[in-house]
């Protein structure tokens, strides 16, 4: 089964962006695709500097971040700046 990560970059967790992402998530579910919405929050995020330490240690060199810390529930997911099409 495929799984899609939907990213809410709005500072308003339950605003219009969330409503739109919920619609996408519902449509995906109707088509047999699991999804998860990740709200990035209001805190500033450090850009990736491609040091690749996260691949060695499982942690970002910038400390507890939303993507690699407690906000990520230990899933070890990251967002890369390079987009590849399927």
PDB file of N, CA and C in Angstrom:
ATOM      1  N   UNK A   1       0.833  -1.180   0.000  1.00  0.00           N
ATOM      2  CA  UNK A   1       0.000   0.000   0.000  1.00  0.00           C
ATOM      3  C   UNK A   1       0.878   1.244   0.000  1.00  0.00           C
ATOM      4  N   UNK A   2       0.493   2.213  -0.774  1.00  0.00           N
ATOM      5  CA  UNK A   2       1.221   3.469  -0.817  1.00  0.00           C
ATOM      6  C   UNK A   2       0.781   4.371   0.326  1.00  0.00           C
ATOM      7  N   UNK A   3       1.685   5.250   0.735  1.00  0.00           N
ATOM      8  CA  UNK A   3       1.366   6.214   1.780  1.00  0.00           C
ATOM      9  C   UNK A   3       1.897   7.570   1.329  1.00  0.00           C
ATOM     10  N   UNK A   4       1.078   8.600   1.508  1.00  0.00           N
ATOM     11  CA  UNK A   4       1.429   9.948   1.097  1.00  0.00           C
ATOM     12  C   UNK A   4       1.539  10.830   2.332  1.00  0.00           C
ATOM     13  N   UNK A   5       2.618  11.604   2.392  1.00  0.00           N
ATOM     14  CA  UNK A   5       2.799  12.577   3.461  1.00  0.00           C
ATOM     15  C   UNK A   5       2.340  13.931   2.945  1.00  0.00           C
ATOM     16  N   UNK A   6       1.327  14.496   3.583  1.00  0.00           N
ATOM     17  CA  UNK A   6       0.810  15.818   3.227  1.00  0.00           C
ATOM     18  C   UNK A   6       1.363  16.807   4.246  1.00  0.00           C
ATOM     19  N   UNK A   7       2.013  17.855   3.771  1.00  0.00           N
ATOM     20  CA  UNK A   7       2.690  18.792   4.659  1.00  0.00           C
ATOM     21  C   UNK A   7       1.921  20.104   4.735  1.00  0.00           C
ATOM     22  N   UNK A   8       1.529  20.458   5.955  1.00  0.00           N
ATOM     23  CA  UNK A   8       0.842  21.717   6.212  1.00  0.00           C
ATOM     24  C   UNK A   8       1.880  22.719   6.716  1.00  0.00           C
ATOM     25  N   UNK A   9       2.251  23.658   5.860  1.00  0.00           N
ATOM     26  CA  UNK A   9       3.239  24.671   6.217  1.00  0.00           C
ATOM     27  C   UNK A   9       2.636  25.954   6.750  1.00  0.00           C
ATOM     28  N   UNK A  10       1.326  25.974   6.929  1.00  0.00           N
ATOM     29  CA  UNK A  10       0.651  27.160   7.445  1.00  0.00           C
ATOM     30  C   UNK A  10       0.900  27.308   8.943  1.00  0.00           C
ATOM     31  N   UNK A  11       1.031  28.545   9.436  1.00  0.00           N
ATOM     32  CA  UNK A  11       1.168  28.738  10.881  1.00  0.00           C
ATOM     33  C   UNK A  11      -0.133  28.438  11.627  1.00  0.00           C
ATOM     34  N   UNK A  12      -1.250  28.339  10.908  1.00  0.00           N
ATOM     35  CA  UNK A  12      -2.550  28.031  11.508  1.00  0.00           C
ATOM     36  C   UNK A  12      -2.844  26.548  11.315  1.00  0.00           C
ATOM     37  N   UNK A  13      -2.717  25.784  12.388  1.00  0.00           N
ATOM     38  CA  UNK A  13      -2.825  24.326  12.300  1.00  0.00           C
ATOM     39  C   UNK A  13      -4.151  23.851  11.715  1.00  0.00           C
ATOM     40  N   UNK A  14      -5.248  24.504  12.058  1.00  0.00           N
ATOM     41  CA  UNK A  14      -6.555  24.052  11.591  1.00  0.00           C
ATOM     42  C   UNK A  14      -7.229  25.094  10.705  1.00  0.00           C
ATOM     43  N   UNK A  15      -6.433  25.755   9.871  1.00  0.00           N
ATOM     44  CA  UNK A  15      -6.953  26.777   8.971  1.00  0.00           C
ATOM     45  C   UNK A  15      -7.352  26.214   7.615  1.00  0.00           C
ATOM     46  N   UNK A  16      -7.362  27.091   6.623  1.00  0.00           N
ATOM     47  CA  UNK A  16      -7.795  26.721   5.271  1.00  0.00           C
ATOM     48  C   UNK A  16      -6.894  25.670   4.636  1.00  0.00           C
ATOM     49  N   UNK A  17      -5.595  25.754   4.886  1.00  0.00           N
ATOM     50  CA  UNK A  17      -4.673  24.767   4.328  1.00  0.00           C
ATOM     51  C   UNK A  17      -4.998  23.381   4.864  1.00  0.00           C
ATOM     52  N   UNK A  18      -5.301  23.299   6.145  1.00  0.00           N
ATOM     53  CA  UNK A  18      -5.662  22.014   6.748  1.00  0.00           C
ATOM     54  C   UNK A  18      -6.941  21.462   6.134  1.00  0.00           C
ATOM     55  N   UNK A  19      -7.914  22.331   5.906  1.00  0.00           N
ATOM     56  CA  UNK A  19      -9.177  21.894   5.289  1.00  0.00           C
ATOM     57  C   UNK A  19      -8.898  21.317   3.902  1.00  0.00           C
ATOM     58  N   UNK A  20      -8.068  22.007   3.120  1.00  0.00           N
ATOM     59  CA  UNK A  20      -7.725  21.533   1.780  1.00  0.00           C
ATOM     60  C   UNK A  20      -6.986  20.193   1.846  1.00  0.00           C
ATOM     61  N   UNK A  21      -6.047  20.067   2.777  1.00  0.00           N
ATOM     62  CA  UNK A  21      -5.294  18.818   2.914  1.00  0.00           C
ATOM     63  C   UNK A  21      -6.197  17.676   3.382  1.00  0.00           C
ATOM     64  N   UNK A  22      -7.177  17.973   4.225  1.00  0.00           N
ATOM     65  CA  UNK A  22      -8.131  16.950   4.653  1.00  0.00           C
ATOM     66  C   UNK A  22      -8.933  16.433   3.462  1.00  0.00           C
ATOM     67  N   UNK A  23      -9.300  17.337   2.549  1.00  0.00           N
ATOM     68  CA  UNK A  23     -10.025  16.935   1.338  1.00  0.00           C
ATOM     69  C   UNK A  23      -9.156  16.006   0.487  1.00  0.00           C
ATOM     70  N   UNK A  24      -7.875  16.357   0.346  1.00  0.00           N
ATOM     71  CA  UNK A  24      -6.951  15.516  -0.411  1.00  0.00           C
ATOM     72  C   UNK A  24      -6.816  14.159   0.271  1.00  0.00           C
ATOM     73  N   UNK A  25      -6.649  14.171   1.587  1.00  0.00           N
ATOM     74  CA  UNK A  25      -6.504  12.923   2.342  1.00  0.00           C
ATOM     75  C   UNK A  25      -7.740  12.031   2.180  1.00  0.00           C
ATOM     76  N   UNK A  26      -8.925  12.632   2.226  1.00  0.00           N
ATOM     77  CA  UNK A  26     -10.166  11.860   2.056  1.00  0.00           C
ATOM     78  C   UNK A  26     -10.239  11.236   0.663  1.00  0.00           C
ATOM     79  N   UNK A  27      -9.861  11.993  -0.348  1.00  0.00           N
ATOM     80  CA  UNK A  27      -9.868  11.481  -1.722  1.00  0.00           C
ATOM     81  C   UNK A  27      -8.859  10.361  -1.889  1.00  0.00           C
ATOM     82  N   UNK A  28      -7.679  10.536  -1.302  1.00  0.00           N
ATOM     83  CA  UNK A  28      -6.671   9.477  -1.366  1.00  0.00           C
ATOM     84  C   UNK A  28      -7.180   8.199  -0.706  1.00  0.00           C
ATOM     85  N   UNK A  29      -7.803   8.352   0.463  1.00  0.00           N
ATOM     86  CA  UNK A  29      -8.311   7.192   1.192  1.00  0.00           C
ATOM     87  C   UNK A  29      -9.372   6.445   0.379  1.00  0.00           C
ATOM     88  N   UNK A  30     -10.252   7.203  -0.292  1.00  0.00           N
ATOM     89  CA  UNK A  30     -11.285   6.581  -1.127  1.00  0.00           C
ATOM     90  C   UNK A  30     -10.675   5.775  -2.273  1.00  0.00           C
ATOM     91  N   UNK A  31      -9.438   6.133  -2.639  1.00  0.00           N
ATOM     92  CA  UNK A  31      -8.745   5.443  -3.722  1.00  0.00           C
ATOM     93  C   UNK A  31      -7.701   4.460  -3.202  1.00  0.00           C
ATOM     94  N   UNK A  32      -7.795   4.113  -1.921  1.00  0.00           N
ATOM     95  CA  UNK A  32      -6.935   3.089  -1.348  1.00  0.00           C
ATOM     96  C   UNK A  32      -5.521   3.530  -1.021  1.00  0.00           C
ATOM     97  N   UNK A  33      -5.318   4.842  -0.869  1.00  0.00           N
ATOM     98  CA  UNK A  33      -3.992   5.359  -0.539  1.00  0.00           C
ATOM     99  C   UNK A  33      -4.023   5.952   0.856  1.00  0.00           C
ATOM    100  N   UNK A  34      -3.162   5.453   1.727  1.00  0.00           N
ATOM    101  CA  UNK A  34      -3.064   5.963   3.097  1.00  0.00           C
ATOM    102  C   UNK A  34      -2.338   7.302   3.075  1.00  0.00           C
ATOM    103  N   UNK A  35      -2.691   8.201   3.982  1.00  0.00           N
ATOM    104  CA  UNK A  35      -2.013   9.491   4.047  1.00  0.00           C
ATOM    105  C   UNK A  35      -1.863   9.939   5.494  1.00  0.00           C
ATOM    106  N   UNK A  36      -0.964  10.876   5.681  1.00  0.00           N
ATOM    107  CA  UNK A  36      -0.731  11.468   6.996  1.00  0.00           C
ATOM    108  C   UNK A  36      -0.470  12.947   6.777  1.00  0.00           C
ATOM    109  N   UNK A  37      -1.067  13.791   7.626  1.00  0.00           N
ATOM    110  CA  UNK A  37      -0.840  15.232   7.542  1.00  0.00           C
ATOM    111  C   UNK A  37       0.151  15.629   8.623  1.00  0.00           C
ATOM    112  N   UNK A  38       1.214  16.296   8.218  1.00  0.00           N
ATOM    113  CA  UNK A  38       2.233  16.775   9.137  1.00  0.00           C
ATOM    114  C   UNK A  38       2.169  18.292   9.170  1.00  0.00           C
ATOM    115  N   UNK A  39       1.863  18.845  10.347  1.00  0.00           N
ATOM    116  CA  UNK A  39       1.838  20.298  10.511  1.00  0.00           C
ATOM    117  C   UNK A  39       3.213  20.735  10.976  1.00  0.00           C
ATOM    118  N   UNK A  40       3.825  21.661  10.252  1.00  0.00           N
ATOM    119  CA  UNK A  40       5.178  22.097  10.580  1.00  0.00           C
ATOM    120  C   UNK A  40       5.231  23.021  11.787  1.00  0.00           C
ATOM    121  N   UNK A  41       4.123  23.638  12.142  1.00  0.00           N
ATOM    122  CA  UNK A  41       4.091  24.485  13.324  1.00  0.00           C
ATOM    123  C   UNK A  41       4.513  25.908  13.062  1.00  0.00           C
ATOM    124  N   UNK A  42       4.764  26.618  14.134  1.00  0.00           N
ATOM    125  CA  UNK A  42       5.093  28.037  14.043  1.00  0.00           C
ATOM    126  C   UNK A  42       6.561  28.325  14.304  1.00  0.00           C
ATOM    127  N   UNK A  43       7.302  27.314  14.741  1.00  0.00           N
ATOM    128  CA  UNK A  43       8.707  27.538  15.059  1.00  0.00           C
ATOM    129  C   UNK A  43       9.543  27.591  13.783  1.00  0.00           C
ATOM    130  N   UNK A  44      10.593  28.410  13.776  1.00  0.00           N
ATOM    131  CA  UNK A  44      11.454  28.452  12.590  1.00  0.00           C
ATOM    132  C   UNK A  44      12.175  27.118  12.403  1.00  0.00           C
ATOM    133  N   UNK A  45      12.437  26.778  11.150  1.00  0.00           N
ATOM    134  CA  UNK A  45      13.129  25.534  10.835  1.00  0.00           C
ATOM    135  C   UNK A  45      14.421  25.852  10.094  1.00  0.00           C
ATOM    136  N   UNK A  46      15.455  25.192  10.488  1.00  0.00           N
ATOM    137  CA  UNK A  46      16.751  25.354   9.839  1.00  0.00           C
ATOM    138  C   UNK A  46      16.747  24.601   8.507  1.00  0.00           C
ATOM    139  N   UNK A  47      17.274  25.238   7.474  1.00  0.00           N
ATOM    140  CA  UNK A  47      17.404  24.562   6.187  1.00  0.00           C
ATOM    141  C   UNK A  47      18.427  23.448   6.271  1.00  0.00           C
ATOM    142  N   UNK A  48      18.229  22.448   5.452  1.00  0.00           N
ATOM    143  CA  UNK A  48      19.185  21.341   5.359  1.00  0.00           C
ATOM    144  C   UNK A  48      20.461  21.848   4.685  1.00  0.00           C
ATOM    145  N   UNK A  49      21.607  21.481   5.245  1.00  0.00           N
ATOM    146  CA  UNK A  49      22.889  21.889   4.649  1.00  0.00           C
ATOM    147  C   UNK A  49      23.591  20.699   3.985  1.00  0.00           C
ATOM    148  N   UNK A  50      22.883  19.593   3.842  1.00  0.00           N
ATOM    149  CA  UNK A  50      23.386  18.389   3.162  1.00  0.00           C
ATOM    150  C   UNK A  50      24.687  17.875   3.766  1.00  0.00           C
ATOM    151  N   UNK A  51      24.749  17.867   5.096  1.00  0.00           N
ATOM    152  CA  UNK A  51      25.945  17.332   5.764  1.00  0.00           C
ATOM    153  C   UNK A  51      25.872  15.811   5.895  1.00  0.00           C
ATOM    154  N   UNK A  52      24.657  15.248   5.730  1.00  0.00           N
ATOM    155  CA  UNK A  52      24.390  13.808   5.765  1.00  0.00           C
ATOM    156  C   UNK A  52      24.631  13.150   7.127  1.00  0.00           C
ATOM    157  N   UNK A  53      24.776  13.950   8.192  1.00  0.00           N
ATOM    158  CA  UNK A  53      24.936  13.379   9.534  1.00  0.00           C
ATOM    159  C   UNK A  53      23.676  12.627   9.957  1.00  0.00           C
ATOM    160  N   UNK A  54      22.525  13.056   9.455  1.00  0.00           N
ATOM    161  CA  UNK A  54      21.280  12.369   9.806  1.00  0.00           C
ATOM    162  C   UNK A  54      21.300  10.930   9.309  1.00  0.00           C
ATOM    163  N   UNK A  55      21.972  10.676   8.212  1.00  0.00           N
ATOM    164  CA  UNK A  55      22.056   9.308   7.704  1.00  0.00           C
ATOM    165  C   UNK A  55      22.958   8.450   8.583  1.00  0.00           C
ATOM    166  N   UNK A  56      23.955   9.083   9.199  1.00  0.00           N
ATOM    167  CA  UNK A  56      24.872   8.351  10.079  1.00  0.00           C
ATOM    168  C   UNK A  56      24.290   8.135  11.469  1.00  0.00           C
ATOM    169  N   UNK A  57      23.651   9.185  12.000  1.00  0.00           N
ATOM    170  CA  UNK A  57      23.227   9.152  13.401  1.00  0.00           C
ATOM    171  C   UNK A  57      21.721   9.068  13.604  1.00  0.00           C
ATOM    172  N   UNK A  58      20.938   9.369  12.571  1.00  0.00           N
ATOM    173  CA  UNK A  58      19.484   9.411  12.723  1.00  0.00           C
ATOM    174  C   UNK A  58      18.996  10.694  13.350  1.00  0.00           C
ATOM    175  N   UNK A  59      19.910  11.654  13.544  1.00  0.00           N
ATOM    176  CA  UNK A  59      19.556  12.945  14.139  1.00  0.00           C
ATOM    177  C   UNK A  59      20.121  14.075  13.295  1.00  0.00           C
ATOM    178  N   UNK A  60      19.413  15.184  13.321  1.00  0.00           N
ATOM    179  CA  UNK A  60      19.877  16.384  12.622  1.00  0.00           C
ATOM    180  C   UNK A  60      20.936  17.082  13.470  1.00  0.00           C
ATOM    181  N   UNK A  61      21.953  17.638  12.829  1.00  0.00           N
ATOM    182  CA  UNK A  61      23.011  18.338  13.562  1.00  0.00           C
ATOM    183  C   UNK A  61      22.498  19.610  14.230  1.00  0.00           C
ATOM    184  N   UNK A  62      21.329  20.070  13.818  1.00  0.00           N
ATOM    185  CA  UNK A  62      20.769  21.281  14.409  1.00  0.00           C
ATOM    186  C   UNK A  62      19.922  20.974  15.631  1.00  0.00           C
ATOM    187  N   UNK A  63      20.006  19.757  16.134  1.00  0.00           N
ATOM    188  CA  UNK A  63      19.305  19.410  17.362  1.00  0.00           C
ATOM    189  C   UNK A  63      17.921  18.874  17.104  1.00  0.00           C
ATOM    190  N   UNK A  64      17.119  18.862  18.175  1.00  0.00           N
ATOM    191  CA  UNK A  64      15.763  18.357  18.087  1.00  0.00           C
ATOM    192  C   UNK A  64      14.962  19.208  17.126  1.00  0.00           C
ATOM    193  N   UNK A  65      14.648  18.668  16.003  1.00  0.00           N
ATOM    194  CA  UNK A  65      13.848  19.402  15.039  1.00  0.00           C
ATOM    195  C   UNK A  65      12.517  18.693  14.864  1.00  0.00           C
ATOM    196  N   UNK A  66      11.587  19.343  14.224  1.00  0.00           N
ATOM    197  CA  UNK A  66      10.281  18.755  13.984  1.00  0.00           C
ATOM    198  C   UNK A  66      10.403  17.480  13.166  1.00  0.00           C
ATOM    199  N   UNK A  67      11.325  17.437  12.241  1.00  0.00           N
ATOM    200  CA  UNK A  67      11.426  16.291  11.340  1.00  0.00           C
ATOM    201  C   UNK A  67      12.134  15.104  11.964  1.00  0.00           C
ATOM    202  N   UNK A  68      13.100  15.343  12.844  1.00  0.00           N
ATOM    203  CA  UNK A  68      13.866  14.239  13.400  1.00  0.00           C
ATOM    204  C   UNK A  68      13.702  14.081  14.903  1.00  0.00           C
ATOM    205  N   UNK A  69      12.977  14.998  15.543  1.00  0.00           N
ATOM    206  CA  UNK A  69      12.852  14.957  16.995  1.00  0.00           C
ATOM    207  C   UNK A  69      11.525  14.414  17.472  1.00  0.00           C
ATOM    208  N   UNK A  70      11.107  14.886  18.618  1.00  0.00           N
ATOM    209  CA  UNK A  70       9.899  14.381  19.266  1.00  0.00           C
ATOM    210  C   UNK A  70       8.655  14.625  18.428  1.00  0.00           C
ATOM    211  N   UNK A  71       8.626  15.733  17.688  1.00  0.00           N
ATOM    212  CA  UNK A  71       7.468  16.042  16.854  1.00  0.00           C
ATOM    213  C   UNK A  71       7.291  15.056  15.720  1.00  0.00           C
ATOM    214  N   UNK A  72       8.325  14.315  15.441  1.00  0.00           N
ATOM    215  CA  UNK A  72       8.285  13.332  14.355  1.00  0.00           C
ATOM    216  C   UNK A  72       7.904  11.954  14.862  1.00  0.00           C
ATOM    217  N   UNK A  73       7.687  11.801  16.145  1.00  0.00           N
ATOM    218  CA  UNK A  73       7.298  10.525  16.747  1.00  0.00           C
ATOM    219  C   UNK A  73       8.307   9.425  16.436  1.00  0.00           C
ATOM    220  N   UNK A  74       9.564   9.799  16.248  1.00  0.00           N
ATOM    221  CA  UNK A  74      10.617   8.821  16.051  1.00  0.00           C
ATOM    222  C   UNK A  74      10.575   8.082  14.731  1.00  0.00           C
ATOM    223  N   UNK A  75       9.891   8.621  13.738  1.00  0.00           N
ATOM    224  CA  UNK A  75       9.751   7.920  12.472  1.00  0.00           C
ATOM    225  C   UNK A  75      10.955   8.111  11.554  1.00  0.00           C
ATOM    226  N   UNK A  76      11.823   9.057  11.868  1.00  0.00           N
ATOM    227  CA  UNK A  76      13.030   9.241  11.078  1.00  0.00           C
ATOM    228  C   UNK A  76      12.782   9.705   9.662  1.00  0.00           C
ATOM    229  N   UNK A  77      11.691  10.416   9.429  1.00  0.00           N
ATOM    230  CA  UNK A  77      11.453  10.895   8.072  1.00  0.00           C
ATOM    231  C   UNK A  77      12.125  12.241   7.896  1.00  0.00           C
ATOM    232  N   UNK A  78      12.506  12.523   6.715  1.00  0.00           N
ATOM    233  CA  UNK A  78      13.099  13.810   6.419  1.00  0.00           C
ATOM    234  C   UNK A  78      12.496  14.389   5.156  1.00  0.00           C
ATOM    235  N   UNK A  79      12.675  15.659   5.007  1.00  0.00           N
ATOM    236  CA  UNK A  79      12.226  16.315   3.779  1.00  0.00           C
ATOM    237  C   UNK A  79      13.469  16.739   3.026  1.00  0.00           C
ATOM    238  N   UNK A  80      13.542  16.343   1.812  1.00  0.00           N
ATOM    239  CA  UNK A  80      14.709  16.684   0.999  1.00  0.00           C
ATOM    240  C   UNK A  80      14.342  17.852   0.098  1.00  0.00           C
ATOM    241  N   UNK A  81      15.354  18.567  -0.324  1.00  0.00           N
ATOM    242  CA  UNK A  81      15.093  19.715  -1.182  1.00  0.00           C
ATOM    243  C   UNK A  81      15.098  19.343  -2.665  1.00  0.00           C
ATOM    244  N   UNK A  82      15.342  18.081  -2.979  1.00  0.00           N
ATOM    245  CA  UNK A  82      15.331  17.640  -4.368  1.00  0.00           C
ATOM    246  C   UNK A  82      14.060  16.834  -4.606  1.00  0.00           C
ATOM    247  N   UNK A  83      13.286  17.235  -5.574  1.00  0.00           N
ATOM    248  CA  UNK A  83      12.034  16.556  -5.878  1.00  0.00           C
ATOM    249  C   UNK A  83      12.243  15.650  -7.081  1.00  0.00           C
ATOM    250  N   UNK A  84      11.850  14.402  -6.936  1.00  0.00           N
ATOM    251  CA  UNK A  84      11.939  13.453  -8.047  1.00  0.00           C
ATOM    252  C   UNK A  84      10.540  13.067  -8.454  1.00  0.00           C
ATOM    253  N   UNK A  85      10.284  13.056  -9.733  1.00  0.00           N
ATOM    254  CA  UNK A  85       8.960  12.651 -10.194  1.00  0.00           C
ATOM    255  C   UNK A  85       8.891  11.141 -10.323  1.00  0.00           C
ATOM    256  N   UNK A  86       7.703  10.622 -10.179  1.00  0.00           N
ATOM    257  CA  UNK A  86       7.518   9.160 -10.227  1.00  0.00           C
ATOM    258  C   UNK A  86       7.508   8.654 -11.653  1.00  0.00           C
TER     259      UNK A  86
END
